Amino acid sequence: MASTPDELTINYSEGGIDIVKELDKEVLSKGAWTTILFRYQDWEPRKEAYSKDKYSIRRYQKRNGEYQQKSKFNISSPDQAKQLIAALTKWIDD
């Protein structure tokens, strides 16, 4: 388990294959509750290739010195990411 936000990752390997490959991350908030935006790819066995980039926002709670994932929201496509950006920009600029 991770004890700092920098140690948190969504990398996941199984049978010597990286099933989830983290490409980048942005720590949005730190503290007892930490929020991180991840950029990642999934391994697609039928295609024997990685998916297009995907994004996930995850919240972690620190208890007894260790971070535990409490919630996540996966952004399923670049179009959905753009819609999210547009909505937030509109609300912030209003």
PDB file of N, CA and C in Angstrom:
ATOM      1  N   MET A   1       0.837  -1.195   0.000  1.00  0.00           N
ATOM      2  CA  MET A   1       0.000   0.000   0.000  1.00  0.00           C
ATOM      3  C   MET A   1       0.874   1.247   0.000  1.00  0.00           C
ATOM      4  N   ALA A   2       0.340   2.300  -0.538  1.00  0.00           N
ATOM      5  CA  ALA A   2       1.061   3.562  -0.653  1.00  0.00           C
ATOM      6  C   ALA A   2       0.879   4.405   0.598  1.00  0.00           C
ATOM      7  N   SER A   3       1.949   5.085   0.967  1.00  0.00           N
ATOM      8  CA  SER A   3       1.874   5.966   2.131  1.00  0.00           C
ATOM      9  C   SER A   3       1.966   7.444   1.742  1.00  0.00           C
ATOM     10  N   THR A   4       2.238   7.729   0.448  1.00  0.00           N
ATOM     11  CA  THR A   4       2.242   9.109  -0.049  1.00  0.00           C
ATOM     12  C   THR A   4       1.489   9.141  -1.382  1.00  0.00           C
ATOM     13  N   PRO A   5       0.937  10.298  -1.768  1.00  0.00           N
ATOM     14  CA  PRO A   5       0.240  10.394  -3.050  1.00  0.00           C
ATOM     15  C   PRO A   5       1.121  10.039  -4.249  1.00  0.00           C
ATOM     16  N   ASP A   6       2.408  10.365  -4.162  1.00  0.00           N
ATOM     17  CA  ASP A   6       3.311  10.069  -5.278  1.00  0.00           C
ATOM     18  C   ASP A   6       3.473   8.568  -5.510  1.00  0.00           C
ATOM     19  N   GLU A   7       3.239   7.758  -4.491  1.00  0.00           N
ATOM     20  CA  GLU A   7       3.361   6.309  -4.618  1.00  0.00           C
ATOM     21  C   GLU A   7       2.106   5.656  -5.195  1.00  0.00           C
ATOM     22  N   LEU A   8       0.995   6.382  -5.223  1.00  0.00           N
ATOM     23  CA  LEU A   8      -0.260   5.817  -5.728  1.00  0.00           C
ATOM     24  C   LEU A   8      -0.179   5.629  -7.237  1.00  0.00           C
ATOM     25  N   THR A   9      -0.650   4.481  -7.710  1.00  0.00           N
ATOM     26  CA  THR A   9      -0.614   4.172  -9.129  1.00  0.00           C
ATOM     27  C   THR A   9      -1.803   3.296  -9.494  1.00  0.00           C
ATOM     28  N   ILE A  10      -2.135   3.273 -10.773  1.00  0.00           N
ATOM     29  CA  ILE A  10      -3.160   2.344 -11.241  1.00  0.00           C
ATOM     30  C   ILE A  10      -2.546   1.252 -12.111  1.00  0.00           C
ATOM     31  N   ASN A  11      -1.217   1.208 -12.184  1.00  0.00           N
ATOM     32  CA  ASN A  11      -0.561   0.121 -12.912  1.00  0.00           C
ATOM     33  C   ASN A  11      -1.029  -1.209 -12.351  1.00  0.00           C
ATOM     34  N   TYR A  12      -1.310  -2.167 -13.265  1.00  0.00           N
ATOM     35  CA  TYR A  12      -1.732  -3.491 -12.839  1.00  0.00           C
ATOM     36  C   TYR A  12      -1.202  -4.513 -13.839  1.00  0.00           C
ATOM     37  N   SER A  13      -0.466  -5.490 -13.329  1.00  0.00           N
ATOM     38  CA  SER A  13       0.097  -6.548 -14.170  1.00  0.00           C
ATOM     39  C   SER A  13      -0.479  -7.891 -13.767  1.00  0.00           C
ATOM     40  N   GLU A  14      -0.607  -8.752 -14.764  1.00  0.00           N
ATOM     41  CA  GLU A  14      -1.111 -10.098 -14.522  1.00  0.00           C
ATOM     42  C   GLU A  14      -0.442 -11.026 -15.538  1.00  0.00           C
ATOM     43  N   GLY A  15       0.166 -12.080 -15.055  1.00  0.00           N
ATOM     44  CA  GLY A  15       0.817 -13.037 -15.946  1.00  0.00           C
ATOM     45  C   GLY A  15       1.924 -12.425 -16.785  1.00  0.00           C
ATOM     46  N   GLY A  16       2.623 -11.439 -16.223  1.00  0.00           N
ATOM     47  CA  GLY A  16       3.718 -10.798 -16.949  1.00  0.00           C
ATOM     48  C   GLY A  16       3.290  -9.754 -17.967  1.00  0.00           C
ATOM     49  N   ILE A  17       1.985  -9.472 -18.026  1.00  0.00           N
ATOM     50  CA  ILE A  17       1.466  -8.466 -18.965  1.00  0.00           C
ATOM     51  C   ILE A  17       0.924  -7.289 -18.169  1.00  0.00           C
ATOM     52  N   ASP A  18       1.283  -6.085 -18.594  1.00  0.00           N
ATOM     53  CA  ASP A  18       0.726  -4.879 -17.975  1.00  0.00           C
ATOM     54  C   ASP A  18      -0.702  -4.713 -18.482  1.00  0.00           C
ATOM     55  N   ILE A  19      -1.670  -5.078 -17.660  1.00  0.00           N
ATOM     56  CA  ILE A  19      -3.090  -5.010 -18.032  1.00  0.00           C
ATOM     57  C   ILE A  19      -3.570  -3.560 -18.043  1.00  0.00           C
ATOM     58  N   VAL A  20      -3.151  -2.789 -17.035  1.00  0.00           N
ATOM     59  CA  VAL A  20      -3.422  -1.353 -16.970  1.00  0.00           C
ATOM     60  C   VAL A  20      -2.068  -0.663 -16.895  1.00  0.00           C
ATOM     61  N   LYS A  21      -1.810   0.205 -17.866  1.00  0.00           N
ATOM     62  CA  LYS A  21      -0.527   0.898 -17.945  1.00  0.00           C
ATOM     63  C   LYS A  21      -0.744   2.395 -17.706  1.00  0.00           C
ATOM     64  N   GLU A  22      -0.261   2.874 -16.569  1.00  0.00           N
ATOM     65  CA  GLU A  22      -0.370   4.298 -16.248  1.00  0.00           C
ATOM     66  C   GLU A  22       0.601   5.081 -17.121  1.00  0.00           C
ATOM     67  N   LEU A  23       0.090   6.131 -17.772  1.00  0.00           N
ATOM     68  CA  LEU A  23       0.922   6.970 -18.629  1.00  0.00           C
ATOM     69  C   LEU A  23       1.331   8.267 -17.937  1.00  0.00           C
ATOM     70  N   ASP A  24       0.437   8.779 -17.094  1.00  0.00           N
ATOM     71  CA  ASP A  24       0.705  10.045 -16.421  1.00  0.00           C
ATOM     72  C   ASP A  24      -0.305  10.201 -15.291  1.00  0.00           C
ATOM     73  N   LYS A  25      -0.036  11.134 -14.395  1.00  0.00           N
ATOM     74  CA  LYS A  25      -0.995  11.450 -13.342  1.00  0.00           C
ATOM     75  C   LYS A  25      -0.785  12.872 -12.869  1.00  0.00           C
ATOM     76  N   GLU A  26      -1.866  13.446 -12.379  1.00  0.00           N
ATOM     77  CA  GLU A  26      -1.852  14.772 -11.774  1.00  0.00           C
ATOM     78  C   GLU A  26      -2.501  14.657 -10.412  1.00  0.00           C
ATOM     79  N   VAL A  27      -1.779  15.023  -9.379  1.00  0.00           N
ATOM     80  CA  VAL A  27      -2.340  15.033  -8.031  1.00  0.00           C
ATOM     81  C   VAL A  27      -3.119  16.337  -7.895  1.00  0.00           C
ATOM     82  N   LEU A  28      -4.436  16.225  -7.752  1.00  0.00           N
ATOM     83  CA  LEU A  28      -5.307  17.400  -7.681  1.00  0.00           C
ATOM     84  C   LEU A  28      -5.442  17.938  -6.265  1.00  0.00           C
ATOM     85  N   SER A  29      -5.368  17.050  -5.276  1.00  0.00           N
ATOM     86  CA  SER A  29      -5.390  17.490  -3.882  1.00  0.00           C
ATOM     87  C   SER A  29      -4.658  16.456  -3.037  1.00  0.00           C
ATOM     88  N   LYS A  30      -4.054  16.941  -1.957  1.00  0.00           N
ATOM     89  CA  LYS A  30      -3.325  16.072  -1.038  1.00  0.00           C
ATOM     90  C   LYS A  30      -3.903  16.233   0.356  1.00  0.00           C
ATOM     91  N   GLY A  31      -3.624  15.266   1.197  1.00  0.00           N
ATOM     92  CA  GLY A  31      -4.082  15.330   2.581  1.00  0.00           C
ATOM     93  C   GLY A  31      -4.708  14.011   2.972  1.00  0.00           C
ATOM     94  N   ALA A  32      -5.563  14.062   4.001  1.00  0.00           N
ATOM     95  CA  ALA A  32      -6.247  12.844   4.447  1.00  0.00           C
ATOM     96  C   ALA A  32      -7.102  12.270   3.320  1.00  0.00           C
ATOM     97  N   TRP A  33      -7.643  13.149   2.480  1.00  0.00           N
ATOM     98  CA  TRP A  33      -8.347  12.751   1.263  1.00  0.00           C
ATOM     99  C   TRP A  33      -7.555  13.294   0.084  1.00  0.00           C
ATOM    100  N   THR A  34      -7.141  12.411  -0.799  1.00  0.00           N
ATOM    101  CA  THR A  34      -6.332  12.783  -1.952  1.00  0.00           C
ATOM    102  C   THR A  34      -7.097  12.465  -3.226  1.00  0.00           C
ATOM    103  N   THR A  35      -7.031  13.380  -4.199  1.00  0.00           N
ATOM    104  CA  THR A  35      -7.682  13.190  -5.492  1.00  0.00           C
ATOM    105  C   THR A  35      -6.623  13.211  -6.576  1.00  0.00           C
ATOM    106  N   ILE A  36      -6.669  12.204  -7.454  1.00  0.00           N
ATOM    107  CA  ILE A  36      -5.672  12.088  -8.519  1.00  0.00           C
ATOM    108  C   ILE A  36      -6.373  11.828  -9.841  1.00  0.00           C
ATOM    109  N   LEU A  37      -5.913  12.509 -10.886  1.00  0.00           N
ATOM    110  CA  LEU A  37      -6.360  12.278 -12.251  1.00  0.00           C
ATOM    111  C   LEU A  37      -5.283  11.447 -12.939  1.00  0.00           C
ATOM    112  N   PHE A  38      -5.674  10.268 -13.440  1.00  0.00           N
ATOM    113  CA  PHE A  38      -4.742   9.374 -14.118  1.00  0.00           C
ATOM    114  C   PHE A  38      -5.032   9.344 -15.612  1.00  0.00           C
ATOM    115  N   ARG A  39      -3.974   9.220 -16.401  1.00  0.00           N
ATOM    116  CA  ARG A  39      -4.054   8.927 -17.833  1.00  0.00           C
ATOM    117  C   ARG A  39      -3.474   7.528 -17.994  1.00  0.00           C
ATOM    118  N   TYR A  40      -4.213   6.650 -18.675  1.00  0.00           N
ATOM    119  CA  TYR A  40      -3.771   5.264 -18.741  1.00  0.00           C
ATOM    120  C   TYR A  40      -4.262   4.582 -20.019  1.00  0.00           C
ATOM    121  N   GLN A  41      -3.778   3.353 -20.225  1.00  0.00           N
ATOM    122  CA  GLN A  41      -4.236   2.502 -21.314  1.00  0.00           C
ATOM    123  C   GLN A  41      -4.500   1.109 -20.768  1.00  0.00           C
ATOM    124  N   ASP A  42      -5.497   0.434 -21.356  1.00  0.00           N
ATOM    125  CA  ASP A  42      -5.798  -0.954 -21.021  1.00  0.00           C
ATOM    126  C   ASP A  42      -5.234  -1.861 -22.105  1.00  0.00           C
ATOM    127  N   TRP A  43      -4.776  -3.047 -21.717  1.00  0.00           N
ATOM    128  CA  TRP A  43      -4.345  -4.054 -22.670  1.00  0.00           C
ATOM    129  C   TRP A  43      -5.577  -4.729 -23.267  1.00  0.00           C
ATOM    130  N   GLU A  44      -5.627  -4.795 -24.591  1.00  0.00           N
ATOM    131  CA  GLU A  44      -6.730  -5.441 -25.289  1.00  0.00           C
ATOM    132  C   GLU A  44      -6.218  -6.742 -25.901  1.00  0.00           C
ATOM    133  N   PRO A  45      -6.462  -7.882 -25.241  1.00  0.00           N
ATOM    134  CA  PRO A  45      -5.897  -9.153 -25.682  1.00  0.00           C
ATOM    135  C   PRO A  45      -6.284  -9.557 -27.114  1.00  0.00           C
ATOM    136  N   ARG A  46      -7.529  -9.278 -27.506  1.00  0.00           N
ATOM    137  CA  ARG A  46      -7.951  -9.652 -28.869  1.00  0.00           C
ATOM    138  C   ARG A  46      -7.158  -8.914 -29.930  1.00  0.00           C
ATOM    139  N   LYS A  47      -6.820  -7.671 -29.656  1.00  0.00           N
ATOM    140  CA  LYS A  47      -6.043  -6.866 -30.607  1.00  0.00           C
ATOM    141  C   LYS A  47      -4.541  -7.002 -30.375  1.00  0.00           C
ATOM    142  N   GLU A  48      -4.186  -7.566 -29.216  1.00  0.00           N
ATOM    143  CA  GLU A  48      -2.788  -7.649 -28.789  1.00  0.00           C
ATOM    144  C   GLU A  48      -2.126  -6.274 -28.862  1.00  0.00           C
ATOM    145  N   ALA A  49      -2.846  -5.291 -28.324  1.00  0.00           N
ATOM    146  CA  ALA A  49      -2.367  -3.905 -28.315  1.00  0.00           C
ATOM    147  C   ALA A  49      -3.051  -3.157 -27.180  1.00  0.00           C
ATOM    148  N   TYR A  50      -2.505  -1.995 -26.877  1.00  0.00           N
ATOM    149  CA  TYR A  50      -3.113  -1.152 -25.851  1.00  0.00           C
ATOM    150  C   TYR A  50      -4.213  -0.293 -26.441  1.00  0.00           C
ATOM    151  N   SER A  51      -5.189   0.018 -25.600  1.00  0.00           N
ATOM    152  CA  SER A  51      -6.313   0.871 -25.998  1.00  0.00           C
ATOM    153  C   SER A  51      -5.831   2.298 -26.235  1.00  0.00           C
ATOM    154  N   LYS A  52      -6.747   3.108 -26.733  1.00  0.00           N
ATOM    155  CA  LYS A  52      -6.483   4.545 -26.787  1.00  0.00           C
ATOM    156  C   LYS A  52      -6.388   5.045 -25.352  1.00  0.00           C
ATOM    157  N   ASP A  53      -5.869   6.231 -25.177  1.00  0.00           N
ATOM    158  CA  ASP A  53      -5.747   6.800 -23.836  1.00  0.00           C
ATOM    159  C   ASP A  53      -7.118   6.916 -23.176  1.00  0.00           C
ATOM    160  N   LYS A  54      -7.129   6.601 -21.890  1.00  0.00           N
ATOM    161  CA  LYS A  54      -8.315   6.751 -21.053  1.00  0.00           C
ATOM    162  C   LYS A  54      -7.928   7.578 -19.834  1.00  0.00           C
ATOM    163  N   TYR A  55      -8.927   8.007 -19.083  1.00  0.00           N
ATOM    164  CA  TYR A  55      -8.678   8.882 -17.941  1.00  0.00           C
ATOM    165  C   TYR A  55      -9.526   8.419 -16.766  1.00  0.00           C
ATOM    166  N   SER A  56      -9.009   8.603 -15.564  1.00  0.00           N
ATOM    167  CA  SER A  56      -9.744   8.207 -14.367  1.00  0.00           C
ATOM    168  C   SER A  56      -9.440   9.189 -13.244  1.00  0.00           C
ATOM    169  N   ILE A  57     -10.491   9.608 -12.548  1.00  0.00           N
ATOM    170  CA  ILE A  57     -10.346  10.449 -11.358  1.00  0.00           C
ATOM    171  C   ILE A  57     -10.597   9.533 -10.167  1.00  0.00           C
ATOM    172  N   ARG A  58      -9.638   9.481  -9.254  1.00  0.00           N
ATOM    173  CA  ARG A  58      -9.760   8.579  -8.105  1.00  0.00           C
ATOM    174  C   ARG A  58      -9.530   9.329  -6.803  1.00  0.00           C
ATOM    175  N   ARG A  59     -10.330   8.931  -5.804  1.00  0.00           N
ATOM    176  CA  ARG A  59     -10.218   9.525  -4.465  1.00  0.00           C
ATOM    177  C   ARG A  59      -9.702   8.469  -3.512  1.00  0.00           C
ATOM    178  N   TYR A  60      -8.756   8.884  -2.692  1.00  0.00           N
ATOM    179  CA  TYR A  60      -8.152   7.997  -1.709  1.00  0.00           C
ATOM    180  C   TYR A  60      -8.270   8.615  -0.328  1.00  0.00           C
ATOM    181  N   GLN A  61      -8.463   7.773   0.670  1.00  0.00           N
ATOM    182  CA  GLN A  61      -8.484   8.216   2.060  1.00  0.00           C
ATOM    183  C   GLN A  61      -7.290   7.595   2.762  1.00  0.00           C
ATOM    184  N   LYS A  62      -6.597   8.421   3.545  1.00  0.00           N
ATOM    185  CA  LYS A  62      -5.445   7.923   4.295  1.00  0.00           C
ATOM    186  C   LYS A  62      -5.915   7.494   5.682  1.00  0.00           C
ATOM    187  N   ARG A  63      -5.676   6.216   5.986  1.00  0.00           N
ATOM    188  CA  ARG A  63      -6.028   5.655   7.296  1.00  0.00           C
ATOM    189  C   ARG A  63      -4.863   4.799   7.760  1.00  0.00           C
ATOM    190  N   ASN A  64      -4.475   5.004   8.999  1.00  0.00           N
ATOM    191  CA  ASN A  64      -3.363   4.250   9.580  1.00  0.00           C
ATOM    192  C   ASN A  64      -2.107   4.328   8.712  1.00  0.00           C
ATOM    193  N   GLY A  65      -1.871   5.507   8.127  1.00  0.00           N
ATOM    194  CA  GLY A  65      -0.664   5.742   7.352  1.00  0.00           C
ATOM    195  C   GLY A  65      -0.675   5.198   5.937  1.00  0.00           C
ATOM    196  N   GLU A  66      -1.786   4.603   5.504  1.00  0.00           N
ATOM    197  CA  GLU A  66      -1.885   4.014   4.167  1.00  0.00           C
ATOM    198  C   GLU A  66      -3.088   4.601   3.422  1.00  0.00           C
ATOM    199  N   TYR A  67      -2.921   4.807   2.100  1.00  0.00           N
ATOM    200  CA  TYR A  67      -4.030   5.292   1.279  1.00  0.00           C
ATOM    201  C   TYR A  67      -4.864   4.127   0.776  1.00  0.00           C
ATOM    202  N   GLN A  68      -6.182   4.288   0.854  1.00  0.00           N
ATOM    203  CA  GLN A  68      -7.128   3.298   0.346  1.00  0.00           C
ATOM    204  C   GLN A  68      -8.060   3.986  -0.639  1.00  0.00           C
ATOM    205  N   GLN A  69      -8.246   3.367  -1.802  1.00  0.00           N
ATOM    206  CA  GLN A  69      -9.152   3.941  -2.793  1.00  0.00           C
ATOM    207  C   GLN A  69     -10.579   3.878  -2.272  1.00  0.00           C
ATOM    208  N   LYS A  70     -11.287   5.006  -2.371  1.00  0.00           N
ATOM    209  CA  LYS A  70     -12.670   5.077  -1.903  1.00  0.00           C
ATOM    210  C   LYS A  70     -13.667   5.260  -3.039  1.00  0.00           C
ATOM    211  N   SER A  71     -13.238   5.911  -4.123  1.00  0.00           N
ATOM    212  CA  SER A  71     -14.154   6.095  -5.247  1.00  0.00           C
ATOM    213  C   SER A  71     -13.351   6.363  -6.513  1.00  0.00           C
ATOM    214  N   LYS A  72     -14.033   6.161  -7.648  1.00  0.00           N
ATOM    215  CA  LYS A  72     -13.389   6.463  -8.928  1.00  0.00           C
ATOM    216  C   LYS A  72     -14.446   6.808  -9.957  1.00  0.00           C
ATOM    217  N   PHE A  73     -14.031   7.599 -10.926  1.00  0.00           N
ATOM    218  CA  PHE A  73     -14.857   7.929 -12.077  1.00  0.00           C
ATOM    219  C   PHE A  73     -13.981   7.784 -13.302  1.00  0.00           C
ATOM    220  N   ASN A  74     -14.360   6.876 -14.204  1.00  0.00           N
ATOM    221  CA  ASN A  74     -13.610   6.680 -15.431  1.00  0.00           C
ATOM    222  C   ASN A  74     -14.218   7.512 -16.545  1.00  0.00           C
ATOM    223  N   ILE A  75     -13.377   8.276 -17.216  1.00  0.00           N
ATOM    224  CA  ILE A  75     -13.789   9.070 -18.370  1.00  0.00           C
ATOM    225  C   ILE A  75     -13.559   8.177 -19.576  1.00  0.00           C
ATOM    226  N   SER A  76     -14.641   7.834 -20.268  1.00  0.00           N
ATOM    227  CA  SER A  76     -14.597   6.744 -21.232  1.00  0.00           C
ATOM    228  C   SER A  76     -14.048   7.094 -22.608  1.00  0.00           C
ATOM    229  N   SER A  77     -13.951   8.378 -22.916  1.00  0.00           N
ATOM    230  CA  SER A  77     -13.480   8.749 -24.257  1.00  0.00           C
ATOM    231  C   SER A  77     -12.965  10.180 -24.257  1.00  0.00           C
ATOM    232  N   PRO A  78     -12.180  10.523 -25.282  1.00  0.00           N
ATOM    233  CA  PRO A  78     -11.759  11.929 -25.413  1.00  0.00           C
ATOM    234  C   PRO A  78     -12.942  12.877 -25.547  1.00  0.00           C
ATOM    235  N   ASP A  79     -14.016  12.426 -26.216  1.00  0.00           N
ATOM    236  CA  ASP A  79     -15.211  13.280 -26.348  1.00  0.00           C
ATOM    237  C   ASP A  79     -15.825  13.572 -24.994  1.00  0.00           C
ATOM    238  N   GLN A  80     -15.924  12.558 -24.133  1.00  0.00           N
ATOM    239  CA  GLN A  80     -16.470  12.778 -22.798  1.00  0.00           C
ATOM    240  C   GLN A  80     -15.565  13.712 -21.999  1.00  0.00           C
ATOM    241  N   ALA A  81     -14.247  13.568 -22.160  1.00  0.00           N
ATOM    242  CA  ALA A  81     -13.306  14.460 -21.469  1.00  0.00           C
ATOM    243  C   ALA A  81     -13.516  15.908 -21.921  1.00  0.00           C
ATOM    244  N   LYS A  82     -13.709  16.106 -23.220  1.00  0.00           N
ATOM    245  CA  LYS A  82     -13.930  17.455 -23.748  1.00  0.00           C
ATOM    246  C   LYS A  82     -15.243  18.041 -23.229  1.00  0.00           C
ATOM    247  N   GLN A  83     -16.286  17.204 -23.109  1.00  0.00           N
ATOM    248  CA  GLN A  83     -17.565  17.677 -22.570  1.00  0.00           C
ATOM    249  C   GLN A  83     -17.412  18.094 -21.110  1.00  0.00           C
ATOM    250  N   LEU A  84     -16.651  17.321 -20.361  1.00  0.00           N
ATOM    251  CA  LEU A  84     -16.394  17.639 -18.962  1.00  0.00           C
ATOM    252  C   LEU A  84     -15.641  18.967 -18.841  1.00  0.00           C
ATOM    253  N   ILE A  85     -14.620  19.132 -19.676  1.00  0.00           N
ATOM    254  CA  ILE A  85     -13.850  20.383 -19.683  1.00  0.00           C
ATOM    255  C   ILE A  85     -14.747  21.564 -20.039  1.00  0.00           C
ATOM    256  N   ALA A  86     -15.584  21.391 -21.059  1.00  0.00           N
ATOM    257  CA  ALA A  86     -16.474  22.479 -21.502  1.00  0.00           C
ATOM    258  C   ALA A  86     -17.448  22.872 -20.399  1.00  0.00           C
ATOM    259  N   ALA A  87     -18.036  21.887 -19.726  1.00  0.00           N
ATOM    260  CA  ALA A  87     -19.007  22.175 -18.661  1.00  0.00           C
ATOM    261  C   ALA A  87     -18.322  22.905 -17.509  1.00  0.00           C
ATOM    262  N   LEU A  88     -17.163  22.413 -17.098  1.00  0.00           N
ATOM    263  CA  LEU A  88     -16.446  23.056 -15.981  1.00  0.00           C
ATOM    264  C   LEU A  88     -16.019  24.474 -16.346  1.00  0.00           C
ATOM    265  N   THR A  89     -15.540  24.655 -17.570  1.00  0.00           N
ATOM    266  CA  THR A  89     -15.127  25.985 -18.023  1.00  0.00           C
ATOM    267  C   THR A  89     -16.308  26.941 -18.012  1.00  0.00           C
ATOM    268  N   LYS A  90     -17.456  26.484 -18.495  1.00  0.00           N
ATOM    269  CA  LYS A  90     -18.671  27.306 -18.507  1.00  0.00           C
ATOM    270  C   LYS A  90     -19.064  27.709 -17.081  1.00  0.00           C
ATOM    271  N   TRP A  91     -19.076  26.747 -16.176  1.00  0.00           N
ATOM    272  CA  TRP A  91     -19.477  27.036 -14.804  1.00  0.00           C
ATOM    273  C   TRP A  91     -18.500  27.972 -14.119  1.00  0.00           C
ATOM    274  N   ILE A  92     -17.223  27.791 -14.360  1.00  0.00           N
ATOM    275  CA  ILE A  92     -16.219  28.632 -13.708  1.00  0.00           C
ATOM    276  C   ILE A  92     -16.243  30.045 -14.258  1.00  0.00           C
ATOM    277  N   ASP A  93     -16.477  30.171 -15.565  1.00  0.00           N
ATOM    278  CA  ASP A  93     -16.470  31.490 -16.203  1.00  0.00           C
ATOM    279  C   ASP A  93     -17.744  32.276 -15.955  1.00  0.00           C
ATOM    280  N   ASP A  94     -18.831  31.604 -15.542  1.00  0.00           N
ATOM    281  CA  ASP A  94     -20.100  32.305 -15.283  1.00  0.00           C
ATOM    282  C   ASP A  94     -20.046  33.144 -14.038  1.00  0.00           C
TER     283      ASP A  94
END
